[in-house]
Amino acid sequence: MAHARPKDLADLSELLARIRTLPGLKETQTGIFYRSGKGFLHFHTRQGERWADIREGPNWGEPVPLPFGADSQAQVAFLAVVRERLARPL
């Protein structure tokens, strides 16, 4: 499945800016982050829905929905999931 395009992430500019500040992550393309040379976080869209795949230790965790137009509360909750999963060893 293809990754979300930059235009599909336009409403997440503040969230992506916060993710970019997290230690150990490298953004190779808009919204595609690597950790220690392995994919860590990326987004997908399909039929008007958007979600993220975020690594949970050595494996991919359950997809995390992040709807288009997600409010600040939803984005803060998403960032908390990213931080929690980033804290786990690979």
PDB file of N, CA and C in Angstrom:
ATOM      1  N   MET A   1       0.841  -1.167   0.000  1.00  0.00           N
ATOM      2  CA  MET A   1       0.000   0.000   0.000  1.00  0.00           C
ATOM      3  C   MET A   1       0.895   1.241   0.000  1.00  0.00           C
ATOM      4  N   ALA A   2       0.568   2.191  -0.825  1.00  0.00           N
ATOM      5  CA  ALA A   2       1.375   3.406  -0.966  1.00  0.00           C
ATOM      6  C   ALA A   2       1.239   4.303   0.264  1.00  0.00           C
ATOM      7  N   HIS A   3       2.293   5.049   0.523  1.00  0.00           N
ATOM      8  CA  HIS A   3       2.271   6.010   1.619  1.00  0.00           C
ATOM      9  C   HIS A   3       1.440   7.225   1.224  1.00  0.00           C
ATOM     10  N   ALA A   4       0.961   7.936   2.230  1.00  0.00           N
ATOM     11  CA  ALA A   4       0.205   9.163   1.995  1.00  0.00           C
ATOM     12  C   ALA A   4       1.095  10.189   1.301  1.00  0.00           C
ATOM     13  N   ARG A   5       0.486  10.986   0.443  1.00  0.00           N
ATOM     14  CA  ARG A   5       1.214  12.047  -0.253  1.00  0.00           C
ATOM     15  C   ARG A   5       1.322  13.275   0.653  1.00  0.00           C
ATOM     16  N   PRO A   6       2.294  14.132   0.415  1.00  0.00           N
ATOM     17  CA  PRO A   6       2.429  15.333   1.248  1.00  0.00           C
ATOM     18  C   PRO A   6       1.134  16.138   1.351  1.00  0.00           C
ATOM     19  N   LYS A   7       0.372  16.227   0.274  1.00  0.00           N
ATOM     20  CA  LYS A   7      -0.875  17.007   0.345  1.00  0.00           C
ATOM     21  C   LYS A   7      -1.889  16.363   1.287  1.00  0.00           C
ATOM     22  N   ASP A   8      -1.775  15.037   1.493  1.00  0.00           N
ATOM     23  CA  ASP A   8      -2.673  14.342   2.416  1.00  0.00           C
ATOM     24  C   ASP A   8      -2.311  14.609   3.875  1.00  0.00           C
ATOM     25  N   LEU A   9      -1.157  15.231   4.093  1.00  0.00           N
ATOM     26  CA  LEU A   9      -0.680  15.508   5.447  1.00  0.00           C
ATOM     27  C   LEU A   9      -0.648  17.002   5.754  1.00  0.00           C
ATOM     28  N   ALA A  10      -1.166  17.811   4.839  1.00  0.00           N
ATOM     29  CA  ALA A  10      -1.074  19.267   4.974  1.00  0.00           C
ATOM     30  C   ALA A  10      -1.686  19.778   6.275  1.00  0.00           C
ATOM     31  N   ASP A  11      -2.734  19.131   6.761  1.00  0.00           N
ATOM     32  CA  ASP A  11      -3.378  19.587   7.992  1.00  0.00           C
ATOM     33  C   ASP A  11      -2.612  19.169   9.251  1.00  0.00           C
ATOM     34  N   LEU A  12      -1.515  18.459   9.074  1.00  0.00           N
ATOM     35  CA  LEU A  12      -0.731  17.965  10.212  1.00  0.00           C
ATOM     36  C   LEU A  12       0.607  18.685  10.352  1.00  0.00           C
ATOM     37  N   SER A  13       0.733  19.879   9.800  1.00  0.00           N
ATOM     38  CA  SER A  13       2.035  20.554   9.781  1.00  0.00           C
ATOM     39  C   SER A  13       2.603  20.754  11.188  1.00  0.00           C
ATOM     40  N   GLU A  14       1.779  21.159  12.146  1.00  0.00           N
ATOM     41  CA  GLU A  14       2.275  21.351  13.514  1.00  0.00           C
ATOM     42  C   GLU A  14       2.675  20.024  14.146  1.00  0.00           C
ATOM     43  N   LEU A  15       1.866  19.000  13.946  1.00  0.00           N
ATOM     44  CA  LEU A  15       2.174  17.680  14.493  1.00  0.00           C
ATOM     45  C   LEU A  15       3.479  17.148  13.909  1.00  0.00           C
ATOM     46  N   LEU A  16       3.629  17.243  12.601  1.00  0.00           N
ATOM     47  CA  LEU A  16       4.859  16.764  11.964  1.00  0.00           C
ATOM     48  C   LEU A  16       6.074  17.543  12.473  1.00  0.00           C
ATOM     49  N   ALA A  17       5.908  18.842  12.698  1.00  0.00           N
ATOM     50  CA  ALA A  17       7.014  19.647  13.236  1.00  0.00           C
ATOM     51  C   ALA A  17       7.423  19.140  14.616  1.00  0.00           C
ATOM     52  N   ARG A  18       6.464  18.757  15.427  1.00  0.00           N
ATOM     53  CA  ARG A  18       6.777  18.214  16.758  1.00  0.00           C
ATOM     54  C   ARG A  18       7.467  16.861  16.649  1.00  0.00           C
ATOM     55  N   ILE A  19       6.985  16.020  15.746  1.00  0.00           N
ATOM     56  CA  ILE A  19       7.598  14.699  15.569  1.00  0.00           C
ATOM     57  C   ILE A  19       9.042  14.856  15.112  1.00  0.00           C
ATOM     58  N   ARG A  20       9.295  15.838  14.263  1.00  0.00           N
ATOM     59  CA  ARG A  20      10.663  16.064  13.761  1.00  0.00           C
ATOM     60  C   ARG A  20      11.649  16.393  14.874  1.00  0.00           C
ATOM     61  N   THR A  21      11.164  16.892  16.002  1.00  0.00           N
ATOM     62  CA  THR A  21      12.054  17.251  17.114  1.00  0.00           C
ATOM     63  C   THR A  21      12.372  16.069  18.023  1.00  0.00           C
ATOM     64  N   LEU A  22      11.705  14.945  17.834  1.00  0.00           N
ATOM     65  CA  LEU A  22      11.932  13.795  18.708  1.00  0.00           C
ATOM     66  C   LEU A  22      13.293  13.170  18.409  1.00  0.00           C
ATOM     67  N   PRO A  23      14.056  12.863  19.452  1.00  0.00           N
ATOM     68  CA  PRO A  23      15.393  12.306  19.237  1.00  0.00           C
ATOM     69  C   PRO A  23      15.347  10.923  18.603  1.00  0.00           C
ATOM     70  N   GLY A  24      16.289  10.701  17.694  1.00  0.00           N
ATOM     71  CA  GLY A  24      16.434   9.383  17.091  1.00  0.00           C
ATOM     72  C   GLY A  24      15.643   9.156  15.825  1.00  0.00           C
ATOM     73  N   LEU A  25      14.828  10.128  15.419  1.00  0.00           N
ATOM     74  CA  LEU A  25      14.033   9.968  14.203  1.00  0.00           C
ATOM     75  C   LEU A  25      14.631  10.788  13.067  1.00  0.00           C
ATOM     76  N   LYS A  26      14.551  10.235  11.867  1.00  0.00           N
ATOM     77  CA  LYS A  26      15.003  10.927  10.662  1.00  0.00           C
ATOM     78  C   LYS A  26      13.865  10.862   9.647  1.00  0.00           C
ATOM     79  N   GLU A  27      13.441  12.022   9.163  1.00  0.00           N
ATOM     80  CA  GLU A  27      12.375  12.088   8.161  1.00  0.00           C
ATOM     81  C   GLU A  27      13.019  12.042   6.778  1.00  0.00           C
ATOM     82  N   THR A  28      12.724  10.999   6.015  1.00  0.00           N
ATOM     83  CA  THR A  28      13.323  10.845   4.689  1.00  0.00           C
ATOM     84  C   THR A  28      12.468  11.469   3.602  1.00  0.00           C
ATOM     85  N   GLN A  29      11.177  11.494   3.807  1.00  0.00           N
ATOM     86  CA  GLN A  29      10.216  12.181   2.949  1.00  0.00           C
ATOM     87  C   GLN A  29       9.136  12.699   3.882  1.00  0.00           C
ATOM     88  N   THR A  30       8.322  13.627   3.417  1.00  0.00           N
ATOM     89  CA  THR A  30       7.294  14.190   4.280  1.00  0.00           C
ATOM     90  C   THR A  30       6.444  13.084   4.896  1.00  0.00           C
ATOM     91  N   GLY A  31       6.462  13.020   6.236  1.00  0.00           N
ATOM     92  CA  GLY A  31       5.634  12.061   6.958  1.00  0.00           C
ATOM     93  C   GLY A  31       6.171  10.647   7.016  1.00  0.00           C
ATOM     94  N   ILE A  32       7.396  10.427   6.555  1.00  0.00           N
ATOM     95  CA  ILE A  32       8.004   9.090   6.597  1.00  0.00           C
ATOM     96  C   ILE A  32       9.254   9.186   7.463  1.00  0.00           C
ATOM     97  N   PHE A  33       9.211   8.519   8.616  1.00  0.00           N
ATOM     98  CA  PHE A  33      10.277   8.622   9.601  1.00  0.00           C
ATOM     99  C   PHE A  33      10.956   7.278   9.805  1.00  0.00           C
ATOM    100  N   TYR A  34      12.274   7.349   9.956  1.00  0.00           N
ATOM    101  CA  TYR A  34      13.091   6.166  10.227  1.00  0.00           C
ATOM    102  C   TYR A  34      13.744   6.308  11.591  1.00  0.00           C
ATOM    103  N   ARG A  35      14.015   5.168  12.205  1.00  0.00           N
ATOM    104  CA  ARG A  35      14.729   5.110  13.477  1.00  0.00           C
ATOM    105  C   ARG A  35      15.781   4.015  13.355  1.00  0.00           C
ATOM    106  N   SER A  36      17.011   4.365  13.562  1.00  0.00           N
ATOM    107  CA  SER A  36      18.120   3.400  13.464  1.00  0.00           C
ATOM    108  C   SER A  36      18.097   2.648  12.141  1.00  0.00           C
ATOM    109  N   GLY A  37      17.793   3.365  11.070  1.00  0.00           N
ATOM    110  CA  GLY A  37      17.807   2.774   9.737  1.00  0.00           C
ATOM    111  C   GLY A  37      16.603   1.921   9.389  1.00  0.00           C
ATOM    112  N   LYS A  38      15.624   1.834  10.285  1.00  0.00           N
ATOM    113  CA  LYS A  38      14.406   1.054  10.024  1.00  0.00           C
ATOM    114  C   LYS A  38      13.210   1.990   9.981  1.00  0.00           C
ATOM    115  N   GLY A  39      12.258   1.667   9.125  1.00  0.00           N
ATOM    116  CA  GLY A  39      11.033   2.442   9.099  1.00  0.00           C
ATOM    117  C   GLY A  39      10.407   2.464  10.482  1.00  0.00           C
ATOM    118  N   PHE A  40       9.955   3.643  10.917  1.00  0.00           N
ATOM    119  CA  PHE A  40       9.341   3.766  12.238  1.00  0.00           C
ATOM    120  C   PHE A  40       7.907   4.274  12.158  1.00  0.00           C
ATOM    121  N   LEU A  41       7.655   5.249  11.292  1.00  0.00           N
ATOM    122  CA  LEU A  41       6.340   5.883  11.227  1.00  0.00           C
ATOM    123  C   LEU A  41       6.085   6.346   9.808  1.00  0.00           C
ATOM    124  N   HIS A  42       4.912   6.032   9.294  1.00  0.00           N
ATOM    125  CA  HIS A  42       4.474   6.562   8.005  1.00  0.00           C
ATOM    126  C   HIS A  42       2.954   6.535   7.970  1.00  0.00           C
ATOM    127  N   PHE A  43       2.395   7.284   7.052  1.00  0.00           N
ATOM    128  CA  PHE A  43       0.950   7.441   6.950  1.00  0.00           C
ATOM    129  C   PHE A  43       0.421   6.809   5.671  1.00  0.00           C
ATOM    130  N   HIS A  44      -0.833   6.397   5.736  1.00  0.00           N
ATOM    131  CA  HIS A  44      -1.555   5.881   4.579  1.00  0.00           C
ATOM    132  C   HIS A  44      -2.908   6.572   4.502  1.00  0.00           C
ATOM    133  N   THR A  45      -3.469   6.601   3.305  1.00  0.00           N
ATOM    134  CA  THR A  45      -4.846   7.061   3.115  1.00  0.00           C
ATOM    135  C   THR A  45      -5.543   6.110   2.155  1.00  0.00           C
ATOM    136  N   ARG A  46      -6.840   5.971   2.379  1.00  0.00           N
ATOM    137  CA  ARG A  46      -7.651   5.189   1.451  1.00  0.00           C
ATOM    138  C   ARG A  46      -9.107   5.536   1.705  1.00  0.00           C
ATOM    139  N   GLN A  47      -9.800   5.820   0.648  1.00  0.00           N
ATOM    140  CA  GLN A  47     -11.237   6.089   0.689  1.00  0.00           C
ATOM    141  C   GLN A  47     -11.597   7.108   1.771  1.00  0.00           C
ATOM    142  N   GLY A  48     -10.846   8.198   1.806  1.00  0.00           N
ATOM    143  CA  GLY A  48     -11.146   9.284   2.728  1.00  0.00           C
ATOM    144  C   GLY A  48     -10.712   9.057   4.162  1.00  0.00           C
ATOM    145  N   GLU A  49     -10.012   7.970   4.425  1.00  0.00           N
ATOM    146  CA  GLU A  49      -9.516   7.697   5.774  1.00  0.00           C
ATOM    147  C   GLU A  49      -7.994   7.807   5.797  1.00  0.00           C
ATOM    148  N   ARG A  50      -7.474   8.159   6.958  1.00  0.00           N
ATOM    149  CA  ARG A  50      -6.022   8.273   7.114  1.00  0.00           C
ATOM    150  C   ARG A  50      -5.620   7.576   8.417  1.00  0.00           C
ATOM    151  N   TRP A  51      -4.489   6.902   8.356  1.00  0.00           N
ATOM    152  CA  TRP A  51      -3.953   6.235   9.536  1.00  0.00           C
ATOM    153  C   TRP A  51      -2.438   6.179   9.429  1.00  0.00           C
ATOM    154  N   ALA A  52      -1.819   5.848  10.541  1.00  0.00           N
ATOM    155  CA  ALA A  52      -0.363   5.733  10.576  1.00  0.00           C
ATOM    156  C   ALA A  52       0.029   4.335  11.017  1.00  0.00           C
ATOM    157  N   ASP A  53       1.084   3.851  10.415  1.00  0.00           N
ATOM    158  CA  ASP A  53       1.753   2.651  10.899  1.00  0.00           C
ATOM    159  C   ASP A  53       2.932   3.143  11.727  1.00  0.00           C
ATOM    160  N   ILE A  54       3.008   2.667  12.961  1.00  0.00           N
ATOM    161  CA  ILE A  54       4.086   3.067  13.865  1.00  0.00           C
ATOM    162  C   ILE A  54       4.680   1.794  14.452  1.00  0.00           C
ATOM    163  N   ARG A  55       5.982   1.682  14.344  1.00  0.00           N
ATOM    164  CA  ARG A  55       6.658   0.499  14.880  1.00  0.00           C
ATOM    165  C   ARG A  55       6.454   0.437  16.397  1.00  0.00           C
ATOM    166  N   GLU A  56       6.266  -0.774  16.876  1.00  0.00           N
ATOM    167  CA  GLU A  56       6.098  -1.020  18.307  1.00  0.00           C
ATOM    168  C   GLU A  56       7.172  -2.028  18.702  1.00  0.00           C
ATOM    169  N   GLY A  57       8.343  -1.500  19.045  1.00  0.00           N
ATOM    170  CA  GLY A  57       9.487  -2.379  19.246  1.00  0.00           C
ATOM    171  C   GLY A  57       9.970  -2.870  17.892  1.00  0.00           C
ATOM    172  N   PRO A  58      10.282  -4.158  17.767  1.00  0.00           N
ATOM    173  CA  PRO A  58      10.798  -4.670  16.499  1.00  0.00           C
ATOM    174  C   PRO A  58       9.725  -4.879  15.431  1.00  0.00           C
ATOM    175  N   ASN A  59       8.469  -4.825  15.819  1.00  0.00           N
ATOM    176  CA  ASN A  59       7.367  -5.095  14.883  1.00  0.00           C
ATOM    177  C   ASN A  59       6.496  -3.865  14.695  1.00  0.00           C
ATOM    178  N   TRP A  60       5.704  -3.891  13.633  1.00  0.00           N
ATOM    179  CA  TRP A  60       4.730  -2.831  13.419  1.00  0.00           C
ATOM    180  C   TRP A  60       3.564  -3.054  14.375  1.00  0.00           C
ATOM    181  N   GLY A  61       3.155  -1.989  15.047  1.00  0.00           N
ATOM    182  CA  GLY A  61       2.011  -2.065  15.944  1.00  0.00           C
ATOM    183  C   GLY A  61       0.713  -1.942  15.161  1.00  0.00           C
ATOM    184  N   GLU A  62      -0.380  -1.950  15.887  1.00  0.00           N
ATOM    185  CA  GLU A  62      -1.683  -1.747  15.266  1.00  0.00           C
ATOM    186  C   GLU A  62      -1.719  -0.360  14.627  1.00  0.00           C
ATOM    187  N   PRO A  63      -2.349  -0.230  13.460  1.00  0.00           N
ATOM    188  CA  PRO A  63      -2.466   1.089  12.831  1.00  0.00           C
ATOM    189  C   PRO A  63      -3.169   2.081  13.765  1.00  0.00           C
ATOM    190  N   VAL A  64      -2.742   3.331  13.692  1.00  0.00           N
ATOM    191  CA  VAL A  64      -3.303   4.383  14.535  1.00  0.00           C
ATOM    192  C   VAL A  64      -4.068   5.351  13.639  1.00  0.00           C
ATOM    193  N   PRO A  65      -5.400   5.399  13.765  1.00  0.00           N
ATOM    194  CA  PRO A  65      -6.176   6.315  12.931  1.00  0.00           C
ATOM    195  C   PRO A  65      -5.885   7.772  13.294  1.00  0.00           C
ATOM    196  N   LEU A  66      -5.821   8.609  12.286  1.00  0.00           N
ATOM    197  CA  LEU A  66      -5.688  10.055  12.474  1.00  0.00           C
ATOM    198  C   LEU A  66      -6.492  10.714  11.358  1.00  0.00           C
ATOM    199  N   PRO A  67      -7.774  10.954  11.612  1.00  0.00           N
ATOM    200  CA  PRO A  67      -8.664  11.447  10.558  1.00  0.00           C
ATOM    201  C   PRO A  67      -8.221  12.788   9.984  1.00  0.00           C
ATOM    202  N   PHE A  68      -8.638  13.047   8.775  1.00  0.00           N
ATOM    203  CA  PHE A  68      -8.427  14.360   8.180  1.00  0.00           C
ATOM    204  C   PHE A  68      -9.129  15.389   9.053  1.00  0.00           C
ATOM    205  N   GLY A  69      -8.472  16.521   9.274  1.00  0.00           N
ATOM    206  CA  GLY A  69      -9.061  17.569  10.103  1.00  0.00           C
ATOM    207  C   GLY A  69      -9.046  17.245  11.586  1.00  0.00           C
ATOM    208  N   ALA A  70      -8.182  16.325  12.006  1.00  0.00           N
ATOM    209  CA  ALA A  70      -8.104  15.954  13.425  1.00  0.00           C
ATOM    210  C   ALA A  70      -7.821  17.198  14.266  1.00  0.00           C
ATOM    211  N   ASP A  71      -8.564  17.342  15.363  1.00  0.00           N
ATOM    212  CA  ASP A  71      -8.379  18.512  16.219  1.00  0.00           C
ATOM    213  C   ASP A  71      -7.099  18.377  17.042  1.00  0.00           C
ATOM    214  N   SER A  72      -6.767  19.439  17.771  1.00  0.00           N
ATOM    215  CA  SER A  72      -5.510  19.451  18.520  1.00  0.00           C
ATOM    216  C   SER A  72      -5.472  18.360  19.583  1.00  0.00           C
ATOM    217  N   GLN A  73      -6.607  18.039  20.179  1.00  0.00           N
ATOM    218  CA  GLN A  73      -6.651  16.981  21.189  1.00  0.00           C
ATOM    219  C   GLN A  73      -6.272  15.634  20.571  1.00  0.00           C
ATOM    220  N   ALA A  74      -6.798  15.351  19.393  1.00  0.00           N
ATOM    221  CA  ALA A  74      -6.474  14.095  18.703  1.00  0.00           C
ATOM    222  C   ALA A  74      -5.002  14.065  18.307  1.00  0.00           C
ATOM    223  N   GLN A  75      -4.463  15.203  17.896  1.00  0.00           N
ATOM    224  CA  GLN A  75      -3.058  15.250  17.498  1.00  0.00           C
ATOM    225  C   GLN A  75      -2.131  15.079  18.704  1.00  0.00           C
ATOM    226  N   VAL A  76      -2.506  15.647  19.846  1.00  0.00           N
ATOM    227  CA  VAL A  76      -1.713  15.468  21.068  1.00  0.00           C
ATOM    228  C   VAL A  76      -1.739  13.999  21.486  1.00  0.00           C
ATOM    229  N   ALA A  77      -2.894  13.360  21.383  1.00  0.00           N
ATOM    230  CA  ALA A  77      -3.007  11.937  21.718  1.00  0.00           C
ATOM    231  C   ALA A  77      -2.155  11.095  20.769  1.00  0.00           C
ATOM    232  N   PHE A  78      -2.153  11.449  19.489  1.00  0.00           N
ATOM    233  CA  PHE A  78      -1.337  10.734  18.510  1.00  0.00           C
ATOM    234  C   PHE A  78       0.143  10.876  18.859  1.00  0.00           C
ATOM    235  N   LEU A  79       0.562  12.088  19.189  1.00  0.00           N
ATOM    236  CA  LEU A  79       1.959  12.323  19.548  1.00  0.00           C
ATOM    237  C   LEU A  79       2.349  11.504  20.780  1.00  0.00           C
ATOM    238  N   ALA A  80       1.433  11.341  21.716  1.00  0.00           N
ATOM    239  CA  ALA A  80       1.706  10.520  22.899  1.00  0.00           C
ATOM    240  C   ALA A  80       1.960   9.067  22.503  1.00  0.00           C
ATOM    241  N   VAL A  81       1.212   8.561  21.531  1.00  0.00           N
ATOM    242  CA  VAL A  81       1.427   7.194  21.047  1.00  0.00           C
ATOM    243  C   VAL A  81       2.803   7.092  20.394  1.00  0.00           C
ATOM    244  N   VAL A  82       3.154   8.081  19.591  1.00  0.00           N
ATOM    245  CA  VAL A  82       4.469   8.077  18.938  1.00  0.00           C
ATOM    246  C   VAL A  82       5.570   8.045  19.996  1.00  0.00           C
ATOM    247  N   ARG A  83       5.463   8.890  20.997  1.00  0.00           N
ATOM    248  CA  ARG A  83       6.488   8.936  22.051  1.00  0.00           C
ATOM    249  C   ARG A  83       6.567   7.614  22.812  1.00  0.00           C
ATOM    250  N   GLU A  84       5.417   7.040  23.111  1.00  0.00           N
ATOM    251  CA  GLU A  84       5.387   5.776  23.854  1.00  0.00           C
ATOM    252  C   GLU A  84       6.060   4.671  23.054  1.00  0.00           C
ATOM    253  N   ARG A  85       5.767   4.609  21.770  1.00  0.00           N
ATOM    254  CA  ARG A  85       6.371   3.565  20.941  1.00  0.00           C
ATOM    255  C   ARG A  85       7.849   3.829  20.681  1.00  0.00           C
ATOM    256  N   LEU A  86       8.221   5.092  20.623  1.00  0.00           N
ATOM    257  CA  LEU A  86       9.627   5.442  20.435  1.00  0.00           C
ATOM    258  C   LEU A  86      10.461   5.019  21.648  1.00  0.00           C
ATOM    259  N   ALA A  87       9.854   4.985  22.806  1.00  0.00           N
ATOM    260  CA  ALA A  87      10.561   4.611  24.034  1.00  0.00           C
ATOM    261  C   ALA A  87      10.869   3.114  24.097  1.00  0.00           C
ATOM    262  N   ARG A  88      10.213   2.321  23.273  1.00  0.00           N
ATOM    263  CA  ARG A  88      10.439   0.871  23.283  1.00  0.00           C
ATOM    264  C   ARG A  88      11.694   0.524  22.491  1.00  0.00           C
ATOM    265  N   PRO A  89      12.451  -0.433  22.975  1.00  0.00           N
ATOM    266  CA  PRO A  89      13.643  -0.843  22.211  1.00  0.00           C
ATOM    267  C   PRO A  89      13.257  -1.543  20.919  1.00  0.00           C
ATOM    268  N   LEU A  90      14.109  -1.393  19.910  1.00  0.00           N
ATOM    269  CA  LEU A  90      13.861  -2.071  18.630  1.00  0.00           C
ATOM    270  C   LEU A  90      14.214  -3.534  18.725  1.00  0.00           C
TER     271      LEU A  90
END
